[in-house]
């Protein structure tokens, strides 16, 4: 009995396992956490990892494991909101530019180039500085710096798909542009969008952590990963594990999303599918 192709992909399986574990911890944070997120125990300040505090405590005696688990909720919420909105905006811009071409393409791509001309982190910092901290404001800042990548990828995919025979046939039969886009182009462009979105989740988590690390994210006592990492750097001599564990949590989560994206790219790549189909045909013959 042969395993499905997806289960043979090591990157996909490992990435899915890591991301699923992080997501489940975030969803069931009140049950997974061993202490309250703001529960203090001044007698156990800077405690090393123990059975009671499996990742140690900070300078207020707060359990680091519990704060990271609840922090996963914040990071994943911002990542999901920003990636979803950025994917929608970028897909609309990319499909319209790629399908209609001409001055529409030129206009939309020049607007995209303007946004790409700004350093991403500087633009995000400026937006949050103006709007103020908050989940929606941080998400909005990440959307502004992320949608351009989707627009360029979807535009390139649309330029290729609009020349395919089935699109030309639909156009010859009198199908409207909207019908062609929604029935013929978008379904065949979902693969790159899904892959880019999975990779974008990791990038969004890094962006949120960077903003929090620099003091422009959600204000304390919200237990964000970036703020926990930045706060831990103040106590590197007394409690280095605060920064090390927080940084490792961000690294492992981003690695999981990147592996998931790489695995999805391999599975959804039409060239890989065609090779698999040809090999299967030869085997049957």
Protein backbone atom coordinates (compact mmCIF):
# COMPACT_ATOMS: atom_id res chain seq x y z
CA UNK A 1 0.00 0.00 0.00
CA UNK A 2 1.49 3.31 -1.11
CA UNK A 3 1.20 6.45 0.98
CA UNK A 4 -0.45 9.51 -0.58
CA UNK A 5 1.99 11.88 -2.20
CA UNK A 6 1.42 14.55 0.47
CA UNK A 7 2.45 12.16 3.26
CA UNK A 8 5.69 11.36 1.45
CA UNK A 9 6.69 15.02 1.54
CA UNK A 10 8.83 15.46 4.66
CA UNK A 11 8.62 19.26 4.63
CA UNK A 12 4.85 19.19 4.41
CA UNK A 13 4.42 16.64 7.20
CA UNK A 14 6.88 18.29 9.60
CA UNK A 15 5.59 21.79 8.84
CA UNK A 16 1.97 20.71 9.28
CA UNK A 17 2.80 19.01 12.60
CA UNK A 18 4.56 22.11 13.97
CA UNK A 19 1.87 24.56 12.86
CA UNK A 20 -0.93 22.31 14.08
CA UNK A 21 0.71 22.04 17.51
CA UNK A 22 1.09 25.84 17.74
CA UNK A 23 -2.49 26.44 16.60
CA UNK A 24 -3.90 23.92 19.08
CA UNK A 25 -1.90 25.50 21.91
CA UNK A 26 -3.30 28.90 20.96
CA UNK A 27 -6.90 27.67 20.73
CA UNK A 28 -6.78 25.76 24.02
CA UNK A 29 -4.50 28.23 25.81
CA UNK A 30 -6.63 28.41 29.00
CA UNK A 31 -6.35 24.62 29.34
CA UNK A 32 -2.73 24.27 28.21
CA UNK A 33 -1.35 27.08 30.37
CA UNK A 34 -0.29 26.02 33.85
CA UNK A 35 -0.68 29.48 35.42
CA UNK A 36 -2.55 32.70 34.84
CA UNK A 37 -0.92 34.93 32.28
CA UNK A 38 -0.47 37.73 34.87
CA UNK A 39 -0.17 35.50 37.94
CA UNK A 40 2.88 36.65 39.92
CA UNK A 41 5.01 34.70 42.38
CA UNK A 42 7.71 37.01 43.71
CA UNK A 43 9.28 34.17 45.66
CA UNK A 44 10.11 32.43 42.37
CA UNK A 45 11.57 35.34 40.39
CA UNK A 46 13.93 34.18 37.61
CA UNK A 47 13.22 30.55 38.49
CA UNK A 48 14.90 27.97 36.30
CA UNK A 49 12.70 25.49 34.41
CA UNK A 50 11.07 23.15 36.93
CA UNK A 51 8.08 20.78 36.90
CA UNK A 52 5.99 23.66 38.29
CA UNK A 53 7.34 26.22 35.80
CA UNK A 54 8.42 24.16 32.81
CA UNK A 55 10.09 27.11 31.04
CA UNK A 56 11.01 29.14 34.11
CA UNK A 57 9.70 32.53 35.27
CA UNK A 58 10.45 36.19 34.60
CA UNK A 59 11.41 38.98 37.02
CA UNK A 60 7.85 39.13 38.39
CA UNK A 61 7.63 35.38 38.86
CA UNK A 62 5.22 34.98 35.95
CA UNK A 63 5.23 31.61 34.24
CA UNK A 64 6.98 31.88 30.86
CA UNK A 65 5.19 28.86 29.33
CA UNK A 66 1.79 30.36 30.08
CA UNK A 67 2.75 33.74 28.65
CA UNK A 68 4.08 32.16 25.45
CA UNK A 69 0.95 30.04 25.03
CA UNK A 70 -1.33 33.07 25.37
CA UNK A 71 1.08 35.06 23.22
CA UNK A 72 0.53 32.52 20.45
CA UNK A 73 -3.10 33.68 20.30
CA UNK A 74 -2.04 37.26 19.67
CA UNK A 75 0.61 36.41 17.08
CA UNK A 76 -1.60 33.98 15.16
CA UNK A 77 -4.60 36.34 15.24
CA UNK A 78 -2.55 39.17 13.75
CA UNK A 79 -0.94 36.81 11.21
CA UNK A 80 -4.26 35.35 10.04
CA UNK A 81 -5.98 38.75 9.75
CA UNK A 82 -3.09 40.35 7.89
CA UNK A 83 -2.41 37.44 5.53
CA UNK A 84 -6.09 36.97 4.67
CA UNK A 85 -6.62 40.65 3.87
CA UNK A 86 -3.29 41.00 2.04
CA UNK A 87 -4.07 37.91 -0.06
CA UNK A 88 -7.51 39.26 -1.01
CA UNK A 89 -6.21 42.72 -1.92
CA UNK A 90 -3.19 41.38 -3.78
CA UNK A 91 -5.25 38.79 -5.64
CA UNK A 92 -7.77 41.37 -6.83
CA UNK A 93 -5.03 43.75 -7.98
CA UNK A 94 -3.02 40.97 -9.63
CA UNK A 95 -5.95 39.38 -11.47
CA UNK A 96 -7.31 42.69 -12.77
CA UNK A 97 -3.86 43.86 -13.88
CA UNK A 98 -2.94 40.55 -15.50
CA UNK A 99 -6.24 39.92 -17.26
CA UNK A 100 -7.02 43.38 -18.67
CA UNK A 101 -3.44 44.51 -19.30
CA UNK A 102 -2.80 47.82 -21.04
CA UNK A 103 -3.16 51.02 -19.03
CA UNK A 104 -4.94 49.15 -16.22
CA UNK A 105 -1.90 46.91 -15.77
CA UNK A 106 0.48 49.85 -15.96
CA UNK A 107 -1.47 51.88 -13.39
CA UNK A 108 -1.86 49.07 -10.85
CA UNK A 109 1.74 47.91 -11.18
CA UNK A 110 3.08 51.45 -10.74
CA UNK A 111 1.03 51.77 -7.55
CA UNK A 112 2.47 48.44 -6.45
CA UNK A 113 5.99 49.66 -7.22
CA UNK A 114 5.41 52.75 -5.09
CA UNK A 115 4.58 50.59 -2.08
CA UNK A 116 7.55 48.34 -2.82
CA UNK A 117 9.79 51.41 -2.86
CA UNK A 118 9.37 51.93 0.89
CA UNK A 119 11.43 49.81 3.31
CA UNK A 120 8.86 47.41 4.75
CA UNK A 121 9.74 47.69 8.43
CA UNK A 122 10.06 51.49 8.26
CA UNK A 123 6.64 51.80 6.61
CA UNK A 124 5.09 49.48 9.22
CA UNK A 125 6.68 51.46 12.05
CA UNK A 126 5.35 54.72 10.62
CA UNK A 127 1.82 53.34 10.27
CA UNK A 128 1.70 51.99 13.83
CA UNK A 129 3.25 55.19 15.18
CA UNK A 130 0.45 57.21 13.58
CA UNK A 131 -2.46 54.86 14.32
CA UNK A 132 -1.28 53.67 17.73
CA UNK A 133 -0.95 50.15 19.14
CA UNK A 134 -3.62 47.50 18.82
CA UNK A 135 -4.29 44.23 17.04
CA UNK A 136 -6.15 45.85 14.14
CA UNK A 137 -3.60 48.62 13.69
CA UNK A 138 -0.65 46.23 13.70
CA UNK A 139 -2.53 43.96 11.29
CA UNK A 140 -3.22 46.94 9.02
CA UNK A 141 0.47 47.85 8.98
CA UNK A 142 1.42 44.30 7.98
CA UNK A 143 -1.28 44.27 5.27
CA UNK A 144 0.15 47.43 3.73
CA UNK A 145 3.63 45.91 3.43
CA UNK A 146 2.47 42.41 2.40
CA UNK A 147 -0.19 42.76 -0.33
CA UNK A 148 2.30 43.74 -3.05
CA UNK A 149 3.90 40.29 -3.12
CA UNK A 150 0.53 38.65 -3.76
CA UNK A 151 -0.25 41.18 -6.49
CA UNK A 152 2.95 40.45 -8.41
CA UNK A 153 2.67 36.66 -8.12
CA UNK A 154 -1.03 36.58 -9.09
CA UNK A 155 -0.43 38.97 -11.99
CA UNK A 156 2.31 36.73 -13.37
CA UNK A 157 0.09 33.67 -12.99
CA UNK A 158 -2.85 35.45 -14.66
CA UNK A 159 -0.70 36.53 -17.61
CA UNK A 160 0.15 32.89 -18.20
CA UNK A 161 -3.37 31.54 -17.65
CA UNK A 162 -5.16 34.03 -19.89
CA UNK A 163 -3.31 32.60 -22.90
CA UNK A 164 -4.43 29.04 -22.22
CA UNK A 165 -6.78 27.37 -24.69
CA UNK A 166 -9.67 26.96 -22.26
CA UNK A 167 -9.61 30.70 -21.47
CA UNK A 168 -9.48 31.57 -25.16
CA UNK A 169 -12.38 29.19 -25.78
CA UNK A 170 -14.46 30.77 -23.01
CA UNK A 171 -13.76 34.21 -24.44
CA UNK A 172 -14.73 33.04 -27.95
CA UNK A 173 -18.02 31.69 -26.58
CA UNK A 174 -18.85 35.16 -25.26
CA UNK A 175 -18.15 34.65 -21.58
CA UNK A 176 -17.87 37.88 -19.63
CA UNK A 177 -14.53 38.91 -18.07
CA UNK A 178 -15.96 38.37 -14.59
CA UNK A 179 -17.05 34.82 -15.45
CA UNK A 180 -13.68 34.01 -17.00
CA UNK A 181 -11.83 35.37 -13.97
CA UNK A 182 -13.94 33.55 -11.39
CA UNK A 183 -14.52 30.31 -13.32
CA UNK A 184 -11.31 29.82 -15.27
CA UNK A 185 -8.44 31.89 -13.86
CA UNK A 186 -8.89 32.09 -10.10
CA UNK A 187 -9.42 28.32 -9.55
CA UNK A 188 -6.16 27.64 -11.40
CA UNK A 189 -4.31 30.38 -9.54
CA UNK A 190 -5.21 29.09 -6.08
CA UNK A 191 -2.08 26.94 -5.83
CA UNK A 192 0.42 29.84 -5.80
CA UNK A 193 -1.88 31.88 -3.56
CA UNK A 194 -2.12 29.08 -0.97
CA UNK A 195 1.64 28.54 -0.98
CA UNK A 196 2.35 32.26 -0.67
CA UNK A 197 -0.19 32.58 2.15
CA UNK A 198 1.39 29.78 4.18
CA UNK A 199 4.80 31.41 3.80
CA UNK A 200 3.23 34.79 4.54
CA UNK A 201 1.97 33.61 7.93
CA UNK A 202 5.55 33.11 9.07
CA UNK A 203 6.57 36.49 7.69
CA UNK A 204 3.63 38.16 9.45
CA UNK A 205 4.63 36.61 12.78
CA UNK A 206 8.18 37.94 12.32
CA UNK A 207 6.81 41.40 11.44
CA UNK A 208 4.55 41.48 14.50
CA UNK A 209 7.39 40.28 16.72
CA UNK A 210 9.72 42.91 15.27
CA UNK A 211 7.20 45.69 15.90
CA UNK A 212 6.66 44.51 19.48
CA UNK A 213 10.41 44.13 20.01
CA UNK A 214 10.92 47.75 18.94
CA UNK A 215 8.11 48.94 21.21
CA UNK A 216 5.53 49.61 18.49
CA UNK A 217 3.40 46.51 18.95
CA UNK A 218 0.73 45.74 21.48
CA UNK A 219 1.51 47.40 24.83
CA UNK A 220 2.17 45.44 28.02
CA UNK A 221 0.85 43.52 29.81
CA UNK A 222 -0.31 41.83 26.57
CA UNK A 223 1.91 38.74 26.32
CA UNK A 224 3.20 39.09 22.76
CA UNK A 225 6.21 37.06 21.67
CA UNK A 226 8.16 40.09 20.48
CA UNK A 227 7.62 41.99 23.72
CA UNK A 228 8.61 38.93 25.78
CA UNK A 229 11.79 38.65 23.71
CA UNK A 230 12.60 42.36 24.08
CA UNK A 231 11.85 42.30 27.80
CA UNK A 232 14.08 39.27 28.28
CA UNK A 233 17.08 41.06 26.80
CA UNK A 234 17.16 43.28 29.88
CA UNK A 235 17.95 40.26 32.02
CA UNK A 236 20.39 38.35 29.84
CA UNK A 237 22.86 38.03 32.71
CA UNK A 238 20.37 36.88 35.35
CA UNK A 239 17.90 34.92 33.20
CA UNK A 240 19.15 34.32 29.65
CA UNK A 241 16.49 31.68 29.05
CA UNK A 242 13.80 34.37 28.81
CA UNK A 243 15.16 35.65 25.50
CA UNK A 244 16.47 32.30 24.29
CA UNK A 245 13.15 30.49 24.76
CA UNK A 246 11.10 33.38 23.34
CA UNK A 247 13.35 33.61 20.30
CA UNK A 248 13.29 29.84 19.83
CA UNK A 249 9.47 29.88 19.94
CA UNK A 250 9.33 32.45 17.15
CA UNK A 251 11.96 30.57 15.13
CA UNK A 252 10.22 27.19 15.42
CA UNK A 253 6.82 28.66 14.52
CA UNK A 254 8.16 30.48 11.46
CA UNK A 255 10.12 27.37 10.47
CA UNK A 256 6.90 25.35 10.65
CA UNK A 257 5.04 27.72 8.33
CA UNK A 258 8.00 27.86 5.93
CA UNK A 259 8.23 24.07 5.78
CA UNK A 260 4.48 23.90 5.25
CA UNK A 261 4.74 26.40 2.40
CA UNK A 262 7.62 24.51 0.78
CA UNK A 263 5.72 21.24 1.06
CA UNK A 264 2.54 22.73 -0.41
CA UNK A 265 4.57 24.19 -3.26
CA UNK A 266 5.97 20.76 -4.09
CA UNK A 267 2.56 19.09 -3.88
CA UNK A 268 0.64 21.76 -5.80
CA UNK A 269 3.30 22.40 -8.47
CA UNK A 270 1.74 21.45 -11.83
CA UNK A 271 5.13 20.34 -13.13
CA UNK A 272 5.47 17.91 -10.25
CA UNK A 273 1.95 16.63 -10.85
CA UNK A 274 2.65 16.10 -14.55
CA UNK A 275 5.84 14.21 -13.76
CA UNK A 276 4.00 12.01 -11.29
CA UNK A 277 1.26 11.35 -13.85
CA UNK A 278 3.76 10.40 -16.55
CA UNK A 279 5.61 8.08 -14.19
CA UNK A 280 2.35 6.43 -13.17
CA UNK A 281 1.41 5.98 -16.83
CA UNK A 282 4.74 4.35 -17.63
CA UNK A 283 4.40 2.05 -14.63
CA UNK A 284 0.93 0.95 -15.74
CA UNK A 285 2.21 0.27 -19.25
